[in-house]
Amino acid sequence: MGAHSVARAAGFARHGAPPEHGCVPGHAGIAVYITAFWWKAALFAAGAVLTALLLQSPVPEALRHVRQPPQNPAERVDRG
């Protein structure tokens, strides 16, 4: 299915099938795909927002005892 066919099908889903076709099952199928796309887009956006909020949160007190690597390269010890 080419890009023109997809654009035409999406147009039918928004504005109804052309009078010469009257394809109700096809119209319903396209509407389902469009609805599913927007639900997936909303869930993806919500996940992105949640991830951004979690990444900006401070480190919990229980995890602060874990030794962080030194910021100064001269302080690093090669253990290999």
N, C-alpha and C. Protein backbone atom coordinates (compact mmCIF):
# COMPACT_ATOMS: atom_id res chain seq x y z
N MET A 1 0.86 -1.17 0.00
CA MET A 1 0.00 0.00 0.00
C MET A 1 0.89 1.22 0.00
N GLY A 2 0.70 2.08 -0.98
CA GLY A 2 1.54 3.26 -1.11
C GLY A 2 1.14 4.38 -0.17
N ALA A 3 1.97 5.42 -0.14
CA ALA A 3 1.71 6.56 0.74
C ALA A 3 0.41 7.25 0.36
N HIS A 4 0.13 7.29 -0.93
CA HIS A 4 -1.12 7.92 -1.38
C HIS A 4 -2.33 7.14 -0.87
N SER A 5 -2.25 5.83 -0.91
CA SER A 5 -3.36 5.00 -0.43
C SER A 5 -3.59 5.18 1.06
N VAL A 6 -2.48 5.27 1.82
CA VAL A 6 -2.60 5.45 3.27
C VAL A 6 -3.22 6.81 3.58
N ALA A 7 -2.76 7.85 2.87
CA ALA A 7 -3.31 9.18 3.10
C ALA A 7 -4.79 9.22 2.72
N ARG A 8 -5.13 8.57 1.65
CA ARG A 8 -6.53 8.54 1.21
C ARG A 8 -7.39 7.79 2.22
N ALA A 9 -6.87 6.66 2.73
CA ALA A 9 -7.61 5.88 3.72
C ALA A 9 -7.79 6.68 5.01
N ALA A 10 -6.76 7.41 5.42
CA ALA A 10 -6.87 8.23 6.62
C ALA A 10 -7.89 9.34 6.41
N GLY A 11 -7.93 9.90 5.21
CA GLY A 11 -8.92 10.92 4.89
C GLY A 11 -10.33 10.36 4.96
N PHE A 12 -10.52 9.13 4.49
CA PHE A 12 -11.83 8.50 4.57
C PHE A 12 -12.23 8.27 6.02
N ALA A 13 -11.27 7.91 6.85
CA ALA A 13 -11.58 7.65 8.26
C ALA A 13 -12.05 8.93 8.95
N ARG A 14 -11.48 10.06 8.56
CA ARG A 14 -11.87 11.33 9.18
C ARG A 14 -13.17 11.89 8.60
N HIS A 15 -13.34 11.76 7.29
CA HIS A 15 -14.45 12.44 6.62
C HIS A 15 -15.51 11.50 6.07
N GLY A 16 -15.34 10.23 6.24
CA GLY A 16 -16.31 9.27 5.71
C GLY A 16 -15.91 8.78 4.34
N ALA A 17 -16.37 7.60 4.00
CA ALA A 17 -16.06 7.01 2.70
C ALA A 17 -16.74 7.80 1.60
N PRO A 18 -16.14 7.83 0.41
CA PRO A 18 -16.78 8.53 -0.69
C PRO A 18 -18.10 7.85 -1.04
N PRO A 19 -19.08 8.59 -1.56
CA PRO A 19 -20.41 8.03 -1.81
C PRO A 19 -20.41 6.84 -2.77
N GLU A 20 -19.46 6.77 -3.71
CA GLU A 20 -19.48 5.67 -4.66
C GLU A 20 -19.02 4.35 -4.04
N HIS A 21 -18.32 4.39 -2.91
CA HIS A 21 -17.86 3.15 -2.29
C HIS A 21 -18.80 2.69 -1.18
N GLY A 22 -19.10 3.53 -0.22
CA GLY A 22 -19.97 3.17 0.88
C GLY A 22 -19.45 1.96 1.66
N CYS A 23 -18.17 1.90 1.90
CA CYS A 23 -17.52 0.74 2.51
C CYS A 23 -17.48 0.91 4.03
N VAL A 24 -18.53 0.48 4.72
CA VAL A 24 -18.59 0.63 6.17
C VAL A 24 -17.57 -0.25 6.88
N PRO A 25 -17.40 -1.55 6.53
CA PRO A 25 -16.39 -2.35 7.23
C PRO A 25 -14.97 -1.80 7.06
N GLY A 26 -14.64 -1.33 5.88
CA GLY A 26 -13.32 -0.74 5.64
C GLY A 26 -13.13 0.52 6.46
N HIS A 27 -14.16 1.33 6.51
CA HIS A 27 -14.13 2.57 7.29
C HIS A 27 -13.93 2.25 8.77
N ALA A 28 -14.62 1.25 9.27
CA ALA A 28 -14.49 0.88 10.68
C ALA A 28 -13.10 0.34 10.97
N GLY A 29 -12.54 -0.44 10.05
CA GLY A 29 -11.20 -0.98 10.25
C GLY A 29 -10.15 0.11 10.32
N ILE A 30 -10.26 1.09 9.46
CA ILE A 30 -9.31 2.20 9.47
C ILE A 30 -9.46 3.02 10.74
N ALA A 31 -10.68 3.23 11.18
CA ALA A 31 -10.93 3.98 12.40
C ALA A 31 -10.31 3.28 13.61
N VAL A 32 -10.35 1.95 13.62
CA VAL A 32 -9.74 1.20 14.71
C VAL A 32 -8.24 1.41 14.73
N TYR A 33 -7.59 1.37 13.57
CA TYR A 33 -6.15 1.57 13.51
C TYR A 33 -5.77 2.99 13.95
N ILE A 34 -6.55 3.97 13.56
CA ILE A 34 -6.26 5.35 13.96
C ILE A 34 -6.43 5.51 15.46
N THR A 35 -7.48 4.93 16.02
CA THR A 35 -7.70 5.00 17.47
C THR A 35 -6.58 4.31 18.22
N ALA A 36 -6.17 3.14 17.75
CA ALA A 36 -5.08 2.40 18.40
C ALA A 36 -3.78 3.20 18.34
N PHE A 37 -3.53 3.86 17.21
CA PHE A 37 -2.33 4.68 17.09
C PHE A 37 -2.31 5.78 18.14
N TRP A 38 -3.41 6.49 18.32
CA TRP A 38 -3.42 7.60 19.29
C TRP A 38 -3.33 7.10 20.72
N TRP A 39 -3.92 5.94 21.02
CA TRP A 39 -3.76 5.36 22.36
C TRP A 39 -2.30 5.01 22.61
N LYS A 40 -1.65 4.40 21.63
CA LYS A 40 -0.24 4.06 21.78
C LYS A 40 0.62 5.31 21.91
N ALA A 41 0.31 6.34 21.15
CA ALA A 41 1.06 7.59 21.23
C ALA A 41 0.90 8.21 22.63
N ALA A 42 -0.31 8.17 23.17
CA ALA A 42 -0.55 8.72 24.51
C ALA A 42 0.19 7.93 25.57
N LEU A 43 0.19 6.60 25.47
CA LEU A 43 0.92 5.78 26.44
C LEU A 43 2.43 6.02 26.33
N PHE A 44 2.93 6.16 25.13
CA PHE A 44 4.35 6.44 24.94
C PHE A 44 4.72 7.78 25.55
N ALA A 45 3.89 8.80 25.34
CA ALA A 45 4.15 10.12 25.91
C ALA A 45 4.10 10.08 27.43
N ALA A 46 3.13 9.36 27.98
CA ALA A 46 3.04 9.24 29.44
C ALA A 46 4.27 8.53 29.99
N GLY A 47 4.75 7.51 29.32
CA GLY A 47 5.96 6.82 29.74
C GLY A 47 7.18 7.73 29.68
N ALA A 48 7.25 8.57 28.66
CA ALA A 48 8.37 9.50 28.54
C ALA A 48 8.36 10.51 29.68
N VAL A 49 7.18 11.01 30.02
CA VAL A 49 7.07 11.97 31.13
C VAL A 49 7.44 11.30 32.44
N LEU A 50 6.93 10.10 32.68
CA LEU A 50 7.24 9.37 33.91
C LEU A 50 8.74 9.09 34.02
N THR A 51 9.35 8.69 32.91
CA THR A 51 10.79 8.43 32.90
C THR A 51 11.57 9.70 33.22
N ALA A 52 11.18 10.81 32.63
CA ALA A 52 11.87 12.07 32.89
C ALA A 52 11.74 12.47 34.36
N LEU A 53 10.57 12.27 34.93
CA LEU A 53 10.38 12.61 36.34
C LEU A 53 11.21 11.71 37.25
N LEU A 54 11.27 10.43 36.92
CA LEU A 54 12.05 9.50 37.74
C LEU A 54 13.55 9.75 37.63
N LEU A 55 14.01 10.12 36.45
CA LEU A 55 15.44 10.37 36.28
C LEU A 55 15.88 11.65 36.98
N GLN A 56 14.97 12.58 37.22
CA GLN A 56 15.32 13.82 37.89
C GLN A 56 15.19 13.71 39.40
N SER A 57 14.64 12.62 39.90
CA SER A 57 14.45 12.50 41.34
C SER A 57 15.79 12.25 42.02
N PRO A 58 15.92 12.66 43.29
CA PRO A 58 17.19 12.46 43.99
C PRO A 58 17.42 10.98 44.31
N VAL A 59 18.66 10.65 44.62
CA VAL A 59 19.03 9.27 44.96
C VAL A 59 18.47 8.96 46.35
N PRO A 60 17.78 7.82 46.51
CA PRO A 60 17.25 7.46 47.83
C PRO A 60 18.38 7.27 48.85
N GLU A 61 18.06 7.54 50.10
CA GLU A 61 19.05 7.44 51.18
C GLU A 61 19.65 6.04 51.27
N ALA A 62 18.87 5.01 51.00
CA ALA A 62 19.34 3.63 51.10
C ALA A 62 20.44 3.34 50.07
N LEU A 63 20.47 4.07 48.98
CA LEU A 63 21.46 3.82 47.94
C LEU A 63 22.66 4.75 48.01
N ARG A 64 22.67 5.67 48.94
CA ARG A 64 23.76 6.65 49.01
C ARG A 64 25.06 6.05 49.53
N HIS A 65 25.00 4.88 50.16
CA HIS A 65 26.22 4.27 50.68
C HIS A 65 27.08 3.68 49.57
N VAL A 66 26.52 3.51 48.39
CA VAL A 66 27.27 2.95 47.26
C VAL A 66 28.31 3.96 46.85
N ARG A 67 29.56 3.50 46.74
CA ARG A 67 30.68 4.40 46.40
C ARG A 67 30.56 4.84 44.95
N GLN A 68 30.62 6.13 44.75
CA GLN A 68 30.58 6.70 43.42
C GLN A 68 32.00 6.77 42.86
N PRO A 69 32.17 6.60 41.54
CA PRO A 69 33.51 6.72 40.97
C PRO A 69 34.02 8.15 41.12
N PRO A 70 35.31 8.34 41.31
CA PRO A 70 35.86 9.69 41.47
C PRO A 70 35.68 10.52 40.20
N GLN A 71 35.46 11.80 40.40
CA GLN A 71 35.27 12.70 39.27
C GLN A 71 36.62 13.08 38.64
N ASN A 72 37.67 13.09 39.44
CA ASN A 72 38.99 13.46 38.97
C ASN A 72 39.68 12.23 38.39
N PRO A 73 40.09 12.23 37.13
CA PRO A 73 40.73 11.04 36.55
C PRO A 73 42.02 10.65 37.27
N ALA A 74 42.69 11.59 37.93
CA ALA A 74 43.94 11.28 38.64
C ALA A 74 43.67 10.42 39.87
N GLU A 75 42.46 10.46 40.41
CA GLU A 75 42.12 9.69 41.60
C GLU A 75 41.72 8.26 41.26
N ARG A 76 41.50 7.96 40.03
CA ARG A 76 41.07 6.61 39.65
C ARG A 76 42.22 5.62 39.77
N VAL A 77 41.91 4.46 40.27
CA VAL A 77 42.90 3.41 40.44
C VAL A 77 42.59 2.29 39.45
N ASP A 78 43.56 1.92 38.66
CA ASP A 78 43.36 0.83 37.69
C ASP A 78 43.47 -0.49 38.44
N ARG A 79 42.40 -1.26 38.45
CA ARG A 79 42.37 -2.54 39.16
C ARG A 79 42.42 -3.71 38.21
N GLY A 80 42.85 -3.49 37.00
CA GLY A 80 42.83 -4.55 36.02
C GLY A 80 44.14 -5.17 35.86
